[in-house]
């Protein structure tokens, strides 16, 4: 079996924790924008490139729950699973998160015709977590040293 990314479990969990904290920062920014209207908005570039549709518009909630809060809780779940060394839980959260982000991205682009840069960053971050989780689940375990 070809090991593309040889890393021990400690390195894997540290990388996943780092990526989940980064995702939490992104999701918290979107959730903060959902709750308030901050003076400085890094996400508002133009009418078609902004986060307003995701934080304030029709895509901001799913069944009454802010999508940014779902993302924040998802990344928190990944962080907790990584800190407890639960690779299958990480994989499950990452798979759900990737599908959830993909749904949102498709609706942004094809329905409301807006691109949210922070959402795209979340999608890429979640894809990296999913990819690492799949690679980790397929590889032999290296020594912890």
C-alpha atoms as a PDB file:
ATOM      1  CA  UNK A   1       0.000   0.000   0.000  1.00  0.00           C
ATOM      2  CA  UNK A   2       1.340   3.417  -0.959  1.00  0.00           C
ATOM      3  CA  UNK A   3       1.459   5.838   1.943  1.00  0.00           C
ATOM      4  CA  UNK A   4       1.106   9.349   0.512  1.00  0.00           C
ATOM      5  CA  UNK A   5       1.429  11.210   3.787  1.00  0.00           C
ATOM      6  CA  UNK A   6       3.467   9.243   6.288  1.00  0.00           C
ATOM      7  CA  UNK A   7       2.574  10.611   9.690  1.00  0.00           C
ATOM      8  CA  UNK A   8       2.089   9.149  13.084  1.00  0.00           C
ATOM      9  CA  UNK A   9      -1.191   9.417  14.940  1.00  0.00           C
ATOM     10  CA  UNK A  10      -0.033  12.346  17.097  1.00  0.00           C
ATOM     11  CA  UNK A  11       0.824  14.403  14.019  1.00  0.00           C
ATOM     12  CA  UNK A  12      -2.481  13.504  12.371  1.00  0.00           C
ATOM     13  CA  UNK A  13      -4.531  14.552  15.404  1.00  0.00           C
ATOM     14  CA  UNK A  14      -2.560  17.791  15.823  1.00  0.00           C
ATOM     15  CA  UNK A  15      -3.149  18.726  12.168  1.00  0.00           C
ATOM     16  CA  UNK A  16      -6.859  17.915  12.472  1.00  0.00           C
ATOM     17  CA  UNK A  17      -7.088  20.007  15.659  1.00  0.00           C
ATOM     18  CA  UNK A  18      -5.355  22.928  13.950  1.00  0.00           C
ATOM     19  CA  UNK A  19      -7.673  22.720  10.936  1.00  0.00           C
ATOM     20  CA  UNK A  20     -10.739  22.474  13.168  1.00  0.00           C
ATOM     21  CA  UNK A  21      -9.698  25.572  15.130  1.00  0.00           C
ATOM     22  CA  UNK A  22      -9.212  27.421  11.830  1.00  0.00           C
ATOM     23  CA  UNK A  23     -12.683  26.259  10.752  1.00  0.00           C
ATOM     24  CA  UNK A  24     -14.135  27.421  14.063  1.00  0.00           C
ATOM     25  CA  UNK A  25     -12.656  30.882  13.506  1.00  0.00           C
ATOM     26  CA  UNK A  26     -14.248  31.053  10.053  1.00  0.00           C
ATOM     27  CA  UNK A  27     -17.606  29.761  11.299  1.00  0.00           C
ATOM     28  CA  UNK A  28     -17.527  32.117  14.284  1.00  0.00           C
ATOM     29  CA  UNK A  29     -16.953  35.042  11.921  1.00  0.00           C
ATOM     30  CA  UNK A  30     -20.017  34.014   9.902  1.00  0.00           C
ATOM     31  CA  UNK A  31     -22.075  33.472  13.066  1.00  0.00           C
ATOM     32  CA  UNK A  32     -21.014  36.871  14.427  1.00  0.00           C
ATOM     33  CA  UNK A  33     -22.128  38.425  11.128  1.00  0.00           C
ATOM     34  CA  UNK A  34     -25.416  36.557  11.468  1.00  0.00           C
ATOM     35  CA  UNK A  35     -26.005  38.096  14.907  1.00  0.00           C
ATOM     36  CA  UNK A  36     -24.708  41.618  14.208  1.00  0.00           C
ATOM     37  CA  UNK A  37     -23.700  43.989  11.447  1.00  0.00           C
ATOM     38  CA  UNK A  38     -19.983  44.624  12.109  1.00  0.00           C
ATOM     39  CA  UNK A  39     -18.440  47.838  10.825  1.00  0.00           C
ATOM     40  CA  UNK A  40     -15.544  45.994   9.185  1.00  0.00           C
ATOM     41  CA  UNK A  41     -16.582  43.191   6.847  1.00  0.00           C
ATOM     42  CA  UNK A  42     -13.742  41.318   5.208  1.00  0.00           C
ATOM     43  CA  UNK A  43     -16.212  39.307   3.190  1.00  0.00           C
ATOM     44  CA  UNK A  44     -18.056  42.076   1.336  1.00  0.00           C
ATOM     45  CA  UNK A  45     -16.230  42.627  -1.945  1.00  0.00           C
ATOM     46  CA  UNK A  46     -19.084  43.181  -4.412  1.00  0.00           C
ATOM     47  CA  UNK A  47     -22.744  42.298  -4.952  1.00  0.00           C
ATOM     48  CA  UNK A  48     -21.829  38.834  -6.145  1.00  0.00           C
ATOM     49  CA  UNK A  49     -18.859  38.190  -3.858  1.00  0.00           C
ATOM     50  CA  UNK A  50     -19.979  38.604  -0.256  1.00  0.00           C
ATOM     51  CA  UNK A  51     -21.195  36.687   2.775  1.00  0.00           C
ATOM     52  CA  UNK A  52     -24.448  38.579   3.332  1.00  0.00           C
ATOM     53  CA  UNK A  53     -26.652  35.982   1.649  1.00  0.00           C
ATOM     54  CA  UNK A  54     -25.246  33.320   3.951  1.00  0.00           C
ATOM     55  CA  UNK A  55     -25.315  35.429   7.103  1.00  0.00           C
ATOM     56  CA  UNK A  56     -28.441  37.532   6.559  1.00  0.00           C
ATOM     57  CA  UNK A  57     -30.325  36.168   3.541  1.00  0.00           C
ATOM     58  CA  UNK A  58     -32.350  33.135   2.576  1.00  0.00           C
ATOM     59  CA  UNK A  59     -29.439  30.747   3.079  1.00  0.00           C
ATOM     60  CA  UNK A  60     -28.646  31.944   6.613  1.00  0.00           C
ATOM     61  CA  UNK A  61     -30.781  29.309   8.354  1.00  0.00           C
ATOM     62  CA  UNK A  62     -31.760  25.703   7.842  1.00  0.00           C
ATOM     63  CA  UNK A  63     -34.858  24.617   9.754  1.00  0.00           C
ATOM     64  CA  UNK A  64     -34.524  27.769  11.853  1.00  0.00           C
ATOM     65  CA  UNK A  65     -30.913  27.089  12.869  1.00  0.00           C
ATOM     66  CA  UNK A  66     -28.161  29.417  11.607  1.00  0.00           C
ATOM     67  CA  UNK A  67     -25.971  27.501   9.154  1.00  0.00           C
ATOM     68  CA  UNK A  68     -22.915  29.219  10.625  1.00  0.00           C
ATOM     69  CA  UNK A  69     -23.795  27.758  14.036  1.00  0.00           C
ATOM     70  CA  UNK A  70     -24.063  24.291  12.481  1.00  0.00           C
ATOM     71  CA  UNK A  71     -20.576  24.815  11.039  1.00  0.00           C
ATOM     72  CA  UNK A  72     -19.217  26.068  14.345  1.00  0.00           C
ATOM     73  CA  UNK A  73     -20.612  23.052  16.203  1.00  0.00           C
ATOM     74  CA  UNK A  74     -19.340  20.709  13.497  1.00  0.00           C
ATOM     75  CA  UNK A  75     -15.806  22.015  13.780  1.00  0.00           C
ATOM     76  CA  UNK A  76     -16.085  21.823  17.584  1.00  0.00           C
ATOM     77  CA  UNK A  77     -17.116  18.174  17.214  1.00  0.00           C
ATOM     78  CA  UNK A  78     -14.082  17.491  15.031  1.00  0.00           C
ATOM     79  CA  UNK A  79     -11.812  19.216  17.566  1.00  0.00           C
ATOM     80  CA  UNK A  80     -13.236  17.129  20.399  1.00  0.00           C
ATOM     81  CA  UNK A  81     -12.985  13.897  18.390  1.00  0.00           C
ATOM     82  CA  UNK A  82      -9.357  14.668  17.515  1.00  0.00           C
ATOM     83  CA  UNK A  83      -8.490  15.473  21.118  1.00  0.00           C
ATOM     84  CA  UNK A  84     -10.048  12.124  22.147  1.00  0.00           C
ATOM     85  CA  UNK A  85      -8.323  10.263  19.267  1.00  0.00           C
ATOM     86  CA  UNK A  86     -11.546   9.077  17.614  1.00  0.00           C
ATOM     87  CA  UNK A  87     -10.705   8.774  13.884  1.00  0.00           C
ATOM     88  CA  UNK A  88     -14.070   7.312  12.831  1.00  0.00           C
ATOM     89  CA  UNK A  89     -15.909  10.179  14.524  1.00  0.00           C
ATOM     90  CA  UNK A  90     -13.640  12.670  12.757  1.00  0.00           C
ATOM     91  CA  UNK A  91     -14.362  10.955   9.445  1.00  0.00           C
ATOM     92  CA  UNK A  92     -18.116  11.054  10.121  1.00  0.00           C
ATOM     93  CA  UNK A  93     -18.095  14.743  11.033  1.00  0.00           C
ATOM     94  CA  UNK A  94     -15.886  15.545   8.030  1.00  0.00           C
ATOM     95  CA  UNK A  95     -18.153  13.648   5.636  1.00  0.00           C
ATOM     96  CA  UNK A  96     -21.269  15.369   6.986  1.00  0.00           C
ATOM     97  CA  UNK A  97     -19.481  18.747   6.994  1.00  0.00           C
ATOM     98  CA  UNK A  98     -18.307  18.338   3.417  1.00  0.00           C
ATOM     99  CA  UNK A  99     -21.809  17.470   2.201  1.00  0.00           C
ATOM    100  CA  UNK A 100     -23.317  20.316   4.240  1.00  0.00           C
ATOM    101  CA  UNK A 101     -20.799  22.820   2.829  1.00  0.00           C
ATOM    102  CA  UNK A 102     -21.243  21.467  -0.691  1.00  0.00           C
ATOM    103  CA  UNK A 103     -25.023  21.934  -0.460  1.00  0.00           C
ATOM    104  CA  UNK A 104     -24.520  25.518   0.677  1.00  0.00           C
ATOM    105  CA  UNK A 105     -21.956  26.226  -2.066  1.00  0.00           C
ATOM    106  CA  UNK A 106     -24.251  24.861  -4.771  1.00  0.00           C
ATOM    107  CA  UNK A 107     -27.152  27.001  -3.513  1.00  0.00           C
ATOM    108  CA  UNK A 108     -24.904  30.071  -3.322  1.00  0.00           C
ATOM    109  CA  UNK A 109     -23.613  29.731  -6.871  1.00  0.00           C
ATOM    110  CA  UNK A 110     -26.638  28.407  -8.766  1.00  0.00           C
ATOM    111  CA  UNK A 111     -29.659  29.707  -6.847  1.00  0.00           C
ATOM    112  CA  UNK A 112     -28.769  33.078  -5.306  1.00  0.00           C
ATOM    113  CA  UNK A 113     -25.752  33.658  -7.596  1.00  0.00           C
ATOM    114  CA  UNK A 114     -23.446  34.830  -4.805  1.00  0.00           C
ATOM    115  CA  UNK A 115     -20.033  33.560  -3.791  1.00  0.00           C
ATOM    116  CA  UNK A 116     -19.152  33.707  -0.099  1.00  0.00           C
ATOM    117  CA  UNK A 117     -15.335  33.720   0.249  1.00  0.00           C
ATOM    118  CA  UNK A 118     -15.423  32.634   3.893  1.00  0.00           C
ATOM    119  CA  UNK A 119     -17.787  29.774   3.000  1.00  0.00           C
ATOM    120  CA  UNK A 120     -15.429  28.666   0.224  1.00  0.00           C
ATOM    121  CA  UNK A 121     -12.571  28.709   2.755  1.00  0.00           C
ATOM    122  CA  UNK A 122     -14.724  26.542   5.068  1.00  0.00           C
ATOM    123  CA  UNK A 123     -15.437  24.141   2.189  1.00  0.00           C
ATOM    124  CA  UNK A 124     -11.740  23.804   1.339  1.00  0.00           C
ATOM    125  CA  UNK A 125     -10.827  23.381   5.010  1.00  0.00           C
ATOM    126  CA  UNK A 126     -13.455  20.655   5.449  1.00  0.00           C
ATOM    127  CA  UNK A 127     -12.303  18.911   2.261  1.00  0.00           C
ATOM    128  CA  UNK A 128      -8.738  18.834   3.616  1.00  0.00           C
ATOM    129  CA  UNK A 129      -9.994  17.339   6.889  1.00  0.00           C
ATOM    130  CA  UNK A 130     -12.013  14.748   4.963  1.00  0.00           C
ATOM    131  CA  UNK A 131      -9.069  13.892   2.712  1.00  0.00           C
ATOM    132  CA  UNK A 132      -6.703  13.484   5.677  1.00  0.00           C
ATOM    133  CA  UNK A 133      -9.302  11.385   7.487  1.00  0.00           C
ATOM    134  CA  UNK A 134      -9.714   9.049   4.521  1.00  0.00           C
ATOM    135  CA  UNK A 135      -5.949   8.724   4.024  1.00  0.00           C
ATOM    136  CA  UNK A 136      -5.482   8.115   7.745  1.00  0.00           C
ATOM    137  CA  UNK A 137      -8.169   5.431   7.813  1.00  0.00           C
ATOM    138  CA  UNK A 138      -6.492   3.573   4.924  1.00  0.00           C
ATOM    139  CA  UNK A 139      -2.899   3.633   6.103  1.00  0.00           C
ATOM    140  CA  UNK A 140      -0.990   1.396   8.480  1.00  0.00           C
ATOM    141  CA  UNK A 141      -0.368   2.979  11.861  1.00  0.00           C
ATOM    142  CA  UNK A 142       3.177   4.250  12.342  1.00  0.00           C
ATOM    143  CA  UNK A 143       4.954   4.208  15.685  1.00  0.00           C
ATOM    144  CA  UNK A 144       4.155   7.163  17.944  1.00  0.00           C
ATOM    145  CA  UNK A 145       7.830   8.146  18.278  1.00  0.00           C
END
